[in-house]
Amino acid sequence: MPTVEELIRMREEAIRSLLEEKEKLQQQLEAIRSQIEGMEANLQRLGYVGALPSKVIKSTKRGVSKPSDEFTLEMFLDGKAPATVSLFHQLSENITSLGSGINISAHKKSAAFSTQHNFCEVVLFVSKLTIYLDIPLSDLHDPKRIAEDCSTIGRWATGKTRFQLFSAEGMEYAMDLIRQSFQYNTSS
């Protein structure tokens, strides 16, 4: 039968071992998160937005011909990750409640919210929404500094400013930024 001192030593060794294993797993998790972010950036650069393109665009001698039929919201959301589709629906409900006359138009890579002009576009990814705002970064009040200027880079939207929305927890702040773009575009 082990003594009390031996039991205490064995318990401390077990705790130390578990803490070391926890630290290793946390480091592995961080490495995996970093890999996922890199993969998402590569997928975005290659034009992947959560599902394989459902339409084939044919090359012609004069260039590329675009599909003639319109995209619907259902087509835009088809095949996307259920969690991001749910987040998109929550965001969409909040955006359309900003005022009357807000339209949603679906495109191959984005969904645009507009009145007379676009004020917000959304691109779906596997684990996040990228939201583009049609307002210069300098005119946006963003105390958390989550938005960035994207006016000089290629993008699937008309917005000059963008930020990421990963979950419903960030919805209130996201809506504050979107509301500013809505007001900026409806007051001019």
N, C-alpha and C. Protein backbone atom coordinates (compact mmCIF):
# COMPACT_ATOMS: atom_id res chain seq x y z
N MET A 1 0.84 -1.17 0.00
CA MET A 1 0.00 0.00 0.00
C MET A 1 0.89 1.24 0.00
N PRO A 2 0.65 2.18 -0.99
CA PRO A 2 1.48 3.38 -1.06
C PRO A 2 1.21 4.31 0.12
N THR A 3 2.26 5.02 0.49
CA THR A 3 2.12 5.99 1.58
C THR A 3 1.44 7.25 1.05
N VAL A 4 1.05 8.12 1.96
CA VAL A 4 0.40 9.37 1.59
C VAL A 4 1.34 10.21 0.72
N GLU A 5 2.61 10.25 1.08
CA GLU A 5 3.59 11.01 0.31
C GLU A 5 3.71 10.46 -1.11
N GLU A 6 3.71 9.14 -1.26
CA GLU A 6 3.79 8.53 -2.59
C GLU A 6 2.54 8.83 -3.40
N LEU A 7 1.39 8.81 -2.79
CA LEU A 7 0.14 9.14 -3.49
C LEU A 7 0.15 10.60 -3.96
N ILE A 8 0.64 11.49 -3.09
CA ILE A 8 0.72 12.90 -3.46
C ILE A 8 1.69 13.08 -4.63
N ARG A 9 2.85 12.42 -4.59
CA ARG A 9 3.84 12.51 -5.66
C ARG A 9 3.27 11.96 -6.97
N MET A 10 2.55 10.82 -6.90
CA MET A 10 1.96 10.22 -8.10
C MET A 10 0.89 11.15 -8.69
N ARG A 11 0.12 11.78 -7.81
CA ARG A 11 -0.91 12.72 -8.26
C ARG A 11 -0.27 13.92 -8.94
N GLU A 12 0.79 14.47 -8.36
CA GLU A 12 1.48 15.61 -8.95
C GLU A 12 2.09 15.25 -10.30
N GLU A 13 2.65 14.06 -10.42
CA GLU A 13 3.21 13.60 -11.69
C GLU A 13 2.12 13.46 -12.74
N ALA A 14 0.98 12.94 -12.35
CA ALA A 14 -0.14 12.79 -13.27
C ALA A 14 -0.63 14.16 -13.75
N ILE A 15 -0.74 15.11 -12.82
CA ILE A 15 -1.17 16.47 -13.17
C ILE A 15 -0.17 17.11 -14.12
N ARG A 16 1.14 16.99 -13.80
CA ARG A 16 2.19 17.55 -14.64
C ARG A 16 2.12 16.96 -16.04
N SER A 17 1.93 15.65 -16.12
CA SER A 17 1.84 14.96 -17.41
C SER A 17 0.63 15.45 -18.21
N LEU A 18 -0.50 15.59 -17.55
CA LEU A 18 -1.69 16.08 -18.23
C LEU A 18 -1.52 17.52 -18.71
N LEU A 19 -0.90 18.36 -17.90
CA LEU A 19 -0.65 19.74 -18.31
C LEU A 19 0.28 19.82 -19.51
N GLU A 20 1.31 18.97 -19.55
CA GLU A 20 2.21 18.92 -20.69
C GLU A 20 1.48 18.47 -21.94
N GLU A 21 0.64 17.46 -21.80
CA GLU A 21 -0.14 16.96 -22.94
C GLU A 21 -1.11 18.04 -23.43
N LYS A 22 -1.74 18.76 -22.50
CA LYS A 22 -2.65 19.84 -22.85
C LYS A 22 -1.92 20.92 -23.64
N GLU A 23 -0.72 21.30 -23.19
CA GLU A 23 0.08 22.32 -23.87
C GLU A 23 0.42 21.87 -25.30
N LYS A 24 0.83 20.62 -25.45
CA LYS A 24 1.14 20.09 -26.80
C LYS A 24 -0.09 20.15 -27.70
N LEU A 25 -1.25 19.76 -27.17
CA LEU A 25 -2.48 19.78 -27.97
C LEU A 25 -2.88 21.20 -28.34
N GLN A 26 -2.68 22.16 -27.43
CA GLN A 26 -2.99 23.55 -27.74
C GLN A 26 -2.08 24.07 -28.85
N GLN A 27 -0.81 23.69 -28.82
CA GLN A 27 0.12 24.10 -29.87
C GLN A 27 -0.29 23.47 -31.21
N GLN A 28 -0.69 22.21 -31.18
CA GLN A 28 -1.15 21.56 -32.41
C GLN A 28 -2.40 22.24 -32.94
N LEU A 29 -3.32 22.61 -32.05
CA LEU A 29 -4.55 23.28 -32.45
C LEU A 29 -4.24 24.62 -33.11
N GLU A 30 -3.33 25.38 -32.54
CA GLU A 30 -2.94 26.66 -33.14
C GLU A 30 -2.32 26.45 -34.51
N ALA A 31 -1.49 25.43 -34.66
CA ALA A 31 -0.89 25.13 -35.97
C ALA A 31 -1.97 24.75 -36.98
N ILE A 32 -2.95 23.98 -36.55
CA ILE A 32 -4.04 23.59 -37.45
C ILE A 32 -4.88 24.81 -37.84
N ARG A 33 -5.18 25.69 -36.87
CA ARG A 33 -5.93 26.91 -37.18
C ARG A 33 -5.19 27.75 -38.22
N SER A 34 -3.88 27.86 -38.05
CA SER A 34 -3.07 28.62 -38.99
C SER A 34 -3.12 27.98 -40.38
N GLN A 35 -3.05 26.65 -40.44
CA GLN A 35 -3.14 25.95 -41.72
C GLN A 35 -4.50 26.19 -42.37
N ILE A 36 -5.57 26.14 -41.58
CA ILE A 36 -6.91 26.36 -42.12
C ILE A 36 -7.04 27.76 -42.70
N GLU A 37 -6.52 28.76 -41.99
CA GLU A 37 -6.57 30.13 -42.50
C GLU A 37 -5.82 30.24 -43.82
N GLY A 38 -4.66 29.60 -43.91
CA GLY A 38 -3.90 29.60 -45.17
C GLY A 38 -4.66 28.91 -46.28
N MET A 39 -5.31 27.80 -45.96
CA MET A 39 -6.09 27.08 -46.97
C MET A 39 -7.28 27.90 -47.43
N GLU A 40 -7.96 28.57 -46.49
CA GLU A 40 -9.10 29.41 -46.87
C GLU A 40 -8.64 30.55 -47.77
N ALA A 41 -7.50 31.14 -47.49
CA ALA A 41 -6.97 32.21 -48.35
C ALA A 41 -6.67 31.66 -49.74
N ASN A 42 -6.08 30.47 -49.81
CA ASN A 42 -5.81 29.85 -51.11
C ASN A 42 -7.10 29.52 -51.85
N LEU A 43 -8.09 28.99 -51.13
CA LEU A 43 -9.37 28.68 -51.76
C LEU A 43 -10.04 29.95 -52.28
N GLN A 44 -9.97 31.03 -51.50
CA GLN A 44 -10.55 32.29 -51.94
C GLN A 44 -9.85 32.79 -53.19
N ARG A 45 -8.53 32.71 -53.21
CA ARG A 45 -7.76 33.16 -54.36
C ARG A 45 -8.11 32.35 -55.60
N LEU A 46 -8.44 31.06 -55.41
CA LEU A 46 -8.80 30.20 -56.53
C LEU A 46 -10.27 30.29 -56.91
N GLY A 47 -11.05 31.04 -56.15
CA GLY A 47 -12.45 31.25 -56.49
C GLY A 47 -13.41 30.29 -55.83
N TYR A 48 -12.98 29.54 -54.85
CA TYR A 48 -13.85 28.59 -54.15
C TYR A 48 -14.56 29.33 -53.03
N VAL A 49 -15.89 29.20 -52.96
CA VAL A 49 -16.65 29.91 -51.94
C VAL A 49 -17.54 28.96 -51.16
N GLY A 50 -17.15 27.74 -50.96
CA GLY A 50 -17.94 26.82 -50.14
C GLY A 50 -18.60 25.72 -50.92
N ALA A 51 -18.58 25.81 -52.23
CA ALA A 51 -19.15 24.75 -53.07
C ALA A 51 -18.51 24.84 -54.44
N LEU A 52 -18.42 23.74 -55.11
CA LEU A 52 -17.89 23.76 -56.46
C LEU A 52 -18.84 24.54 -57.35
N PRO A 53 -18.31 25.28 -58.32
CA PRO A 53 -19.20 26.06 -59.19
C PRO A 53 -20.21 25.14 -59.86
N SER A 54 -21.47 25.57 -59.88
CA SER A 54 -22.50 24.74 -60.48
C SER A 54 -22.65 25.02 -61.96
N LYS A 55 -22.05 26.07 -62.45
CA LYS A 55 -22.13 26.41 -63.86
C LYS A 55 -20.74 26.41 -64.47
N VAL A 56 -20.63 25.88 -65.64
CA VAL A 56 -19.36 25.88 -66.35
C VAL A 56 -19.36 27.07 -67.28
N ILE A 57 -18.31 27.84 -67.24
CA ILE A 57 -18.17 28.98 -68.13
C ILE A 57 -17.28 28.54 -69.28
N LYS A 58 -17.78 28.63 -70.50
CA LYS A 58 -17.06 28.14 -71.66
C LYS A 58 -16.16 29.23 -72.24
N SER A 59 -14.99 28.82 -72.69
CA SER A 59 -14.10 29.75 -73.37
C SER A 59 -14.48 29.82 -74.84
N THR A 60 -14.37 31.00 -75.41
CA THR A 60 -14.58 31.17 -76.84
C THR A 60 -13.34 31.80 -77.42
N LYS A 61 -13.28 31.91 -78.72
CA LYS A 61 -12.11 32.53 -79.36
C LYS A 61 -11.97 33.99 -78.95
N ARG A 62 -13.08 34.63 -78.66
CA ARG A 62 -13.05 36.05 -78.30
C ARG A 62 -12.92 36.30 -76.81
N GLY A 63 -12.92 35.25 -76.02
CA GLY A 63 -12.81 35.44 -74.58
C GLY A 63 -13.68 34.45 -73.84
N VAL A 64 -14.18 34.86 -72.72
CA VAL A 64 -14.97 33.98 -71.87
C VAL A 64 -16.43 34.41 -71.94
N SER A 65 -17.31 33.45 -72.16
CA SER A 65 -18.74 33.77 -72.17
C SER A 65 -19.32 33.45 -70.80
N LYS A 66 -20.19 34.33 -70.33
CA LYS A 66 -20.79 34.14 -69.01
C LYS A 66 -22.12 33.39 -69.17
N PRO A 67 -22.51 32.66 -68.16
CA PRO A 67 -23.82 32.01 -68.23
C PRO A 67 -24.92 33.06 -68.33
N SER A 68 -25.95 32.77 -69.08
CA SER A 68 -26.96 33.79 -69.34
C SER A 68 -28.02 33.87 -68.26
N ASP A 69 -28.32 32.76 -67.57
CA ASP A 69 -29.41 32.82 -66.61
C ASP A 69 -28.98 33.49 -65.31
N GLU A 70 -29.96 34.10 -64.65
CA GLU A 70 -29.74 34.83 -63.41
C GLU A 70 -29.45 33.88 -62.25
N PHE A 71 -28.72 34.39 -61.31
CA PHE A 71 -28.48 33.62 -60.08
C PHE A 71 -29.57 33.96 -59.09
N THR A 72 -30.05 32.96 -58.40
CA THR A 72 -31.02 33.17 -57.33
C THR A 72 -30.29 33.03 -56.01
N LEU A 73 -30.93 33.49 -54.96
CA LEU A 73 -30.35 33.35 -53.63
C LEU A 73 -30.16 31.87 -53.28
N GLU A 74 -31.11 31.04 -53.70
CA GLU A 74 -31.00 29.60 -53.45
C GLU A 74 -29.78 29.01 -54.16
N MET A 75 -29.54 29.45 -55.40
CA MET A 75 -28.37 28.98 -56.14
C MET A 75 -27.08 29.43 -55.45
N PHE A 76 -27.09 30.68 -54.97
CA PHE A 76 -25.92 31.22 -54.30
C PHE A 76 -25.59 30.44 -53.03
N LEU A 77 -26.62 30.04 -52.28
CA LEU A 77 -26.43 29.35 -51.00
C LEU A 77 -26.27 27.84 -51.15
N ASP A 78 -26.64 27.30 -52.30
CA ASP A 78 -26.60 25.85 -52.52
C ASP A 78 -25.19 25.29 -52.32
N GLY A 79 -25.10 24.26 -51.49
CA GLY A 79 -23.83 23.58 -51.27
C GLY A 79 -22.90 24.25 -50.28
N LYS A 80 -23.29 25.38 -49.72
CA LYS A 80 -22.44 26.07 -48.75
C LYS A 80 -22.57 25.40 -47.38
N ALA A 81 -21.61 25.64 -46.52
CA ALA A 81 -21.61 25.06 -45.18
C ALA A 81 -22.86 25.51 -44.42
N PRO A 82 -23.58 24.57 -43.80
CA PRO A 82 -24.82 24.93 -43.09
C PRO A 82 -24.64 26.03 -42.04
N ALA A 83 -23.53 26.02 -41.34
CA ALA A 83 -23.32 27.04 -40.30
C ALA A 83 -23.21 28.43 -40.91
N THR A 84 -22.52 28.56 -42.04
CA THR A 84 -22.39 29.89 -42.65
C THR A 84 -23.70 30.30 -43.34
N VAL A 85 -24.45 29.34 -43.86
CA VAL A 85 -25.76 29.67 -44.44
C VAL A 85 -26.68 30.20 -43.34
N SER A 86 -26.68 29.56 -42.19
CA SER A 86 -27.48 30.02 -41.06
C SER A 86 -27.05 31.42 -40.62
N LEU A 87 -25.75 31.64 -40.54
CA LEU A 87 -25.23 32.97 -40.16
C LEU A 87 -25.63 34.00 -41.21
N PHE A 88 -25.58 33.62 -42.49
CA PHE A 88 -25.99 34.53 -43.56
C PHE A 88 -27.46 34.90 -43.41
N HIS A 89 -28.32 33.91 -43.12
CA HIS A 89 -29.75 34.19 -42.95
C HIS A 89 -30.00 35.15 -41.79
N GLN A 90 -29.28 34.96 -40.68
CA GLN A 90 -29.42 35.87 -39.54
C GLN A 90 -29.00 37.29 -39.94
N LEU A 91 -27.87 37.37 -40.63
CA LEU A 91 -27.36 38.68 -41.06
C LEU A 91 -28.35 39.32 -42.03
N SER A 92 -28.86 38.55 -42.97
CA SER A 92 -29.79 39.05 -43.96
C SER A 92 -31.05 39.63 -43.32
N GLU A 93 -31.58 38.93 -42.32
CA GLU A 93 -32.76 39.43 -41.61
C GLU A 93 -32.46 40.77 -40.94
N ASN A 94 -31.29 40.87 -40.32
CA ASN A 94 -30.91 42.12 -39.66
C ASN A 94 -30.72 43.24 -40.67
N ILE A 95 -30.11 42.94 -41.80
CA ILE A 95 -29.86 43.98 -42.80
C ILE A 95 -31.18 44.48 -43.39
N THR A 96 -32.06 43.56 -43.76
CA THR A 96 -33.32 43.99 -44.38
C THR A 96 -34.22 44.75 -43.41
N SER A 97 -33.96 44.64 -42.12
CA SER A 97 -34.76 45.39 -41.14
C SER A 97 -34.22 46.82 -40.94
N LEU A 98 -33.14 47.18 -41.62
CA LEU A 98 -32.59 48.53 -41.48
C LEU A 98 -33.51 49.60 -42.05
N GLY A 99 -34.29 49.23 -43.05
CA GLY A 99 -35.17 50.21 -43.67
C GLY A 99 -35.99 49.58 -44.77
N SER A 100 -36.86 50.38 -45.36
CA SER A 100 -37.69 49.85 -46.44
C SER A 100 -36.95 49.95 -47.77
N GLY A 101 -37.36 49.11 -48.69
CA GLY A 101 -36.81 49.15 -50.04
C GLY A 101 -35.43 48.54 -50.18
N ILE A 102 -35.03 47.70 -49.24
CA ILE A 102 -33.72 47.03 -49.34
C ILE A 102 -33.90 45.77 -50.17
N ASN A 103 -33.11 45.66 -51.21
CA ASN A 103 -33.15 44.52 -52.12
C ASN A 103 -31.94 43.63 -51.90
N ILE A 104 -32.12 42.34 -52.14
CA ILE A 104 -31.01 41.38 -52.11
C ILE A 104 -30.88 40.81 -53.51
N SER A 105 -29.69 40.89 -54.05
CA SER A 105 -29.45 40.27 -55.36
C SER A 105 -28.29 39.28 -55.23
N ALA A 106 -28.50 38.10 -55.78
CA ALA A 106 -27.49 37.05 -55.70
C ALA A 106 -26.64 37.08 -56.95
N HIS A 107 -25.37 36.85 -56.76
CA HIS A 107 -24.41 36.74 -57.85
C HIS A 107 -23.67 35.43 -57.66
N LYS A 108 -22.78 35.14 -58.57
CA LYS A 108 -22.05 33.86 -58.48
C LYS A 108 -21.24 33.77 -57.20
N LYS A 109 -20.58 34.83 -56.80
CA LYS A 109 -19.68 34.80 -55.65
C LYS A 109 -20.17 35.58 -54.45
N SER A 110 -21.21 36.39 -54.61
CA SER A 110 -21.64 37.23 -53.50
C SER A 110 -23.14 37.49 -53.55
N ALA A 111 -23.64 37.99 -52.44
CA ALA A 111 -25.02 38.48 -52.37
C ALA A 111 -24.91 39.95 -52.01
N ALA A 112 -25.63 40.79 -52.75
CA ALA A 112 -25.54 42.24 -52.54
C ALA A 112 -26.83 42.77 -51.95
N PHE A 113 -26.69 43.71 -51.02
CA PHE A 113 -27.81 44.39 -50.41
C PHE A 113 -27.78 45.83 -50.92
N SER A 114 -28.93 46.32 -51.40
CA SER A 114 -28.95 47.65 -51.99
C SER A 114 -30.29 48.33 -51.78
N THR A 115 -30.25 49.65 -51.94
CA THR A 115 -31.47 50.43 -52.09
C THR A 115 -31.38 50.96 -53.52
N GLN A 116 -30.88 52.16 -53.70
CA GLN A 116 -30.59 52.65 -55.06
C GLN A 116 -29.19 52.18 -55.49
N HIS A 117 -28.31 52.01 -54.52
CA HIS A 117 -26.94 51.55 -54.76
C HIS A 117 -26.62 50.45 -53.76
N ASN A 118 -25.65 49.61 -54.10
CA ASN A 118 -25.18 48.62 -53.13
C ASN A 118 -24.63 49.34 -51.92
N PHE A 119 -24.89 48.78 -50.75
CA PHE A 119 -24.24 49.29 -49.54
C PHE A 119 -23.52 48.17 -48.79
N CYS A 120 -23.80 46.90 -49.16
CA CYS A 120 -23.17 45.78 -48.48
C CYS A 120 -23.21 44.55 -49.39
N GLU A 121 -22.10 43.82 -49.45
CA GLU A 121 -22.06 42.56 -50.17
C GLU A 121 -21.47 41.52 -49.23
N VAL A 122 -21.92 40.28 -49.38
CA VAL A 122 -21.49 39.20 -48.50
C VAL A 122 -20.97 38.04 -49.35
N VAL A 123 -19.80 37.54 -48.98
CA VAL A 123 -19.22 36.35 -49.61
C VAL A 123 -19.12 35.28 -48.54
N LEU A 124 -19.60 34.08 -48.85
CA LEU A 124 -19.60 32.99 -47.88
C LEU A 124 -18.36 32.13 -48.04
N PHE A 125 -17.76 31.78 -46.93
CA PHE A 125 -16.65 30.85 -46.89
C PHE A 125 -17.04 29.70 -45.97
N VAL A 126 -16.17 28.73 -45.83
CA VAL A 126 -16.48 27.55 -45.04
C VAL A 126 -16.80 27.90 -43.60
N SER A 127 -16.03 28.80 -42.99
CA SER A 127 -16.22 29.08 -41.57
C SER A 127 -16.43 30.55 -41.25
N LYS A 128 -16.75 31.36 -42.28
CA LYS A 128 -16.93 32.80 -42.01
C LYS A 128 -17.66 33.45 -43.16
N LEU A 129 -18.12 34.67 -42.90
CA LEU A 129 -18.67 35.53 -43.93
C LEU A 129 -17.69 36.69 -44.09
N THR A 130 -17.37 37.03 -45.33
CA THR A 130 -16.61 38.24 -45.57
C THR A 130 -17.61 39.28 -46.04
N ILE A 131 -17.65 40.39 -45.35
CA ILE A 131 -18.64 41.43 -45.61
C ILE A 131 -17.91 42.66 -46.17
N TYR A 132 -18.38 43.09 -47.34
CA TYR A 132 -17.82 44.26 -48.01
C TYR A 132 -18.80 45.41 -47.84
N LEU A 133 -18.28 46.56 -47.47
CA LEU A 133 -19.10 47.75 -47.27
C LEU A 133 -18.75 48.80 -48.30
N ASP A 134 -19.77 49.44 -48.85
CA ASP A 134 -19.56 50.49 -49.84
C ASP A 134 -19.44 51.84 -49.13
N ILE A 135 -18.38 51.92 -48.34
CA ILE A 135 -18.06 53.14 -47.60
C ILE A 135 -16.55 53.14 -47.42
N PRO A 136 -15.90 54.28 -47.62
CA PRO A 136 -14.45 54.31 -47.41
C PRO A 136 -14.11 54.03 -45.94
N LEU A 137 -13.02 53.36 -45.72
CA LEU A 137 -12.59 53.03 -44.35
C LEU A 137 -12.46 54.29 -43.50
N SER A 138 -12.02 55.39 -44.12
CA SER A 138 -11.84 56.64 -43.38
C SER A 138 -13.15 57.22 -42.87
N ASP A 139 -14.28 56.86 -43.47
CA ASP A 139 -15.59 57.35 -43.03
C ASP A 139 -16.30 56.38 -42.08
N LEU A 140 -15.67 55.26 -41.80
CA LEU A 140 -16.29 54.23 -40.96
C LEU A 140 -15.80 54.35 -39.52
N HIS A 141 -16.74 54.41 -38.60
CA HIS A 141 -16.38 54.42 -37.16
C HIS A 141 -16.26 52.96 -36.72
N ASP A 142 -15.03 52.50 -36.52
CA ASP A 142 -14.75 51.09 -36.22
C ASP A 142 -13.77 51.01 -35.04
N PRO A 143 -14.26 51.22 -33.81
CA PRO A 143 -13.35 51.23 -32.66
C PRO A 143 -12.59 49.92 -32.45
N LYS A 144 -13.17 48.80 -32.86
CA LYS A 144 -12.48 47.52 -32.70
C LYS A 144 -11.45 47.27 -33.81
N ARG A 145 -11.48 48.12 -34.83
CA ARG A 145 -10.54 48.03 -35.96
C ARG A 145 -10.54 46.66 -36.62
N ILE A 146 -11.72 46.15 -36.90
CA ILE A 146 -11.81 44.85 -37.58
C ILE A 146 -11.91 45.01 -39.09
N ALA A 147 -12.25 46.22 -39.55
CA ALA A 147 -12.40 46.46 -40.98
C ALA A 147 -11.06 46.85 -41.58
N GLU A 148 -10.94 46.58 -42.88
CA GLU A 148 -9.72 46.94 -43.61
C GLU A 148 -10.09 47.50 -44.97
N ASP A 149 -9.21 48.35 -45.48
CA ASP A 149 -9.39 48.91 -46.82
C ASP A 149 -9.05 47.82 -47.84
N CYS A 150 -9.93 47.60 -48.79
CA CYS A 150 -9.66 46.62 -49.84
C CYS A 150 -9.85 47.24 -51.21
N SER A 151 -9.79 48.56 -51.28
CA SER A 151 -10.06 49.27 -52.53
C SER A 151 -9.00 49.04 -53.60
N THR A 152 -7.84 48.58 -53.21
CA THR A 152 -6.76 48.42 -54.19
C THR A 152 -6.51 46.95 -54.55
N ILE A 153 -7.37 46.06 -54.09
CA ILE A 153 -7.17 44.65 -54.40
C ILE A 153 -8.40 44.10 -55.12
N GLY A 154 -8.22 43.02 -55.86
CA GLY A 154 -9.33 42.37 -56.54
C GLY A 154 -10.27 41.76 -55.52
N ARG A 155 -11.57 41.81 -55.82
CA ARG A 155 -12.55 41.27 -54.89
C ARG A 155 -13.82 40.95 -55.66
N TRP A 156 -14.70 40.20 -55.02
CA TRP A 156 -15.96 39.78 -55.63
C TRP A 156 -17.11 40.69 -55.26
N ALA A 157 -16.83 41.91 -54.95
CA ALA A 157 -17.86 42.82 -54.49
C ALA A 157 -17.48 44.25 -54.87
N THR A 158 -18.43 45.17 -54.72
CA THR A 158 -18.14 46.57 -55.05
C THR A 158 -17.61 47.34 -53.85
N GLY A 159 -17.76 46.80 -52.65
CA GLY A 159 -17.34 47.51 -51.44
C GLY A 159 -15.86 47.81 -51.38
N LYS A 160 -15.54 48.94 -50.77
CA LYS A 160 -14.15 49.38 -50.63
C LYS A 160 -13.54 48.96 -49.29
N THR A 161 -14.39 48.50 -48.39
CA THR A 161 -13.97 48.15 -47.03
C THR A 161 -14.53 46.76 -46.72
N ARG A 162 -13.77 45.95 -45.99
CA ARG A 162 -14.27 44.61 -45.67
C ARG A 162 -13.90 44.21 -44.26
N PHE A 163 -14.67 43.24 -43.75
CA PHE A 163 -14.37 42.63 -42.46
C PHE A 163 -14.95 41.23 -42.45
N GLN A 164 -14.59 40.46 -41.44
CA GLN A 164 -15.02 39.06 -41.34
C GLN A 164 -16.02 38.91 -40.20
N LEU A 165 -17.00 38.03 -40.42
CA LEU A 165 -17.96 37.67 -39.37
C LEU A 165 -17.89 36.16 -39.22
N PHE A 166 -17.49 35.70 -38.03
CA PHE A 166 -17.29 34.28 -37.79
C PHE A 166 -18.45 33.61 -37.07
N SER A 167 -19.23 34.39 -36.32
CA SER A 167 -20.33 33.78 -35.55
C SER A 167 -21.35 34.85 -35.20
N ALA A 168 -22.49 34.38 -34.68
CA ALA A 168 -23.57 35.30 -34.29
C ALA A 168 -23.15 36.23 -33.15
N GLU A 169 -22.12 35.85 -32.40
CA GLU A 169 -21.67 36.71 -31.30
C GLU A 169 -21.17 38.06 -31.82
N GLY A 170 -20.69 38.12 -33.04
CA GLY A 170 -20.20 39.38 -33.60
C GLY A 170 -21.25 40.14 -34.38
N MET A 171 -22.50 39.66 -34.37
CA MET A 171 -23.56 40.24 -35.19
C MET A 171 -23.87 41.69 -34.85
N GLU A 172 -23.95 42.02 -33.57
CA GLU A 172 -24.30 43.38 -33.17
C GLU A 172 -23.27 44.39 -33.69
N TYR A 173 -22.00 44.06 -33.53
CA TYR A 173 -20.95 44.98 -34.00
C TYR A 173 -20.95 45.04 -35.53
N ALA A 174 -21.14 43.89 -36.18
CA ALA A 174 -21.20 43.85 -37.65
C ALA A 174 -22.34 44.73 -38.15
N MET A 175 -23.48 44.65 -37.49
CA MET A 175 -24.63 45.45 -37.91
C MET A 175 -24.38 46.94 -37.70
N ASP A 176 -23.60 47.31 -36.70
CA ASP A 176 -23.26 48.71 -36.51
C ASP A 176 -22.46 49.23 -37.71
N LEU A 177 -21.51 48.42 -38.19
CA LEU A 177 -20.71 48.81 -39.35
C LEU A 177 -21.58 48.86 -40.61
N ILE A 178 -22.43 47.85 -40.79
CA ILE A 178 -23.30 47.79 -41.97
C ILE A 178 -24.28 48.96 -41.96
N ARG A 179 -24.82 49.30 -40.79
CA ARG A 179 -25.74 50.43 -40.66
C ARG A 179 -25.06 51.72 -41.13
N GLN A 180 -23.79 51.89 -40.80
CA GLN A 180 -23.07 53.09 -41.23
C GLN A 180 -22.98 53.15 -42.75
N SER A 181 -22.71 51.99 -43.39
CA SER A 181 -22.64 51.95 -44.85
C SER A 181 -24.02 52.23 -45.46
N PHE A 182 -25.06 51.67 -44.85
CA PHE A 182 -26.43 51.91 -45.31
C PHE A 182 -26.74 53.41 -45.26
N GLN A 183 -26.45 54.05 -44.14
CA GLN A 183 -26.72 55.48 -43.99
C GLN A 183 -25.86 56.31 -44.95
N TYR A 184 -24.62 55.92 -45.13
CA TYR A 184 -23.71 56.62 -46.03
C TYR A 184 -24.26 56.59 -47.46
N ASN A 185 -24.79 55.45 -47.87
CA ASN A 185 -25.26 55.28 -49.25
C ASN A 185 -26.68 55.77 -49.47
N THR A 186 -27.48 55.88 -48.43
CA THR A 186 -28.85 56.38 -48.63
C THR A 186 -28.96 57.88 -48.40
N SER A 187 -27.97 58.47 -47.76
CA SER A 187 -28.03 59.92 -47.51
C SER A 187 -27.43 60.72 -48.66
N SER A 188 -26.68 60.06 -49.53
CA SER A 188 -26.05 60.81 -50.62
C SER A 188 -26.84 60.77 -51.90
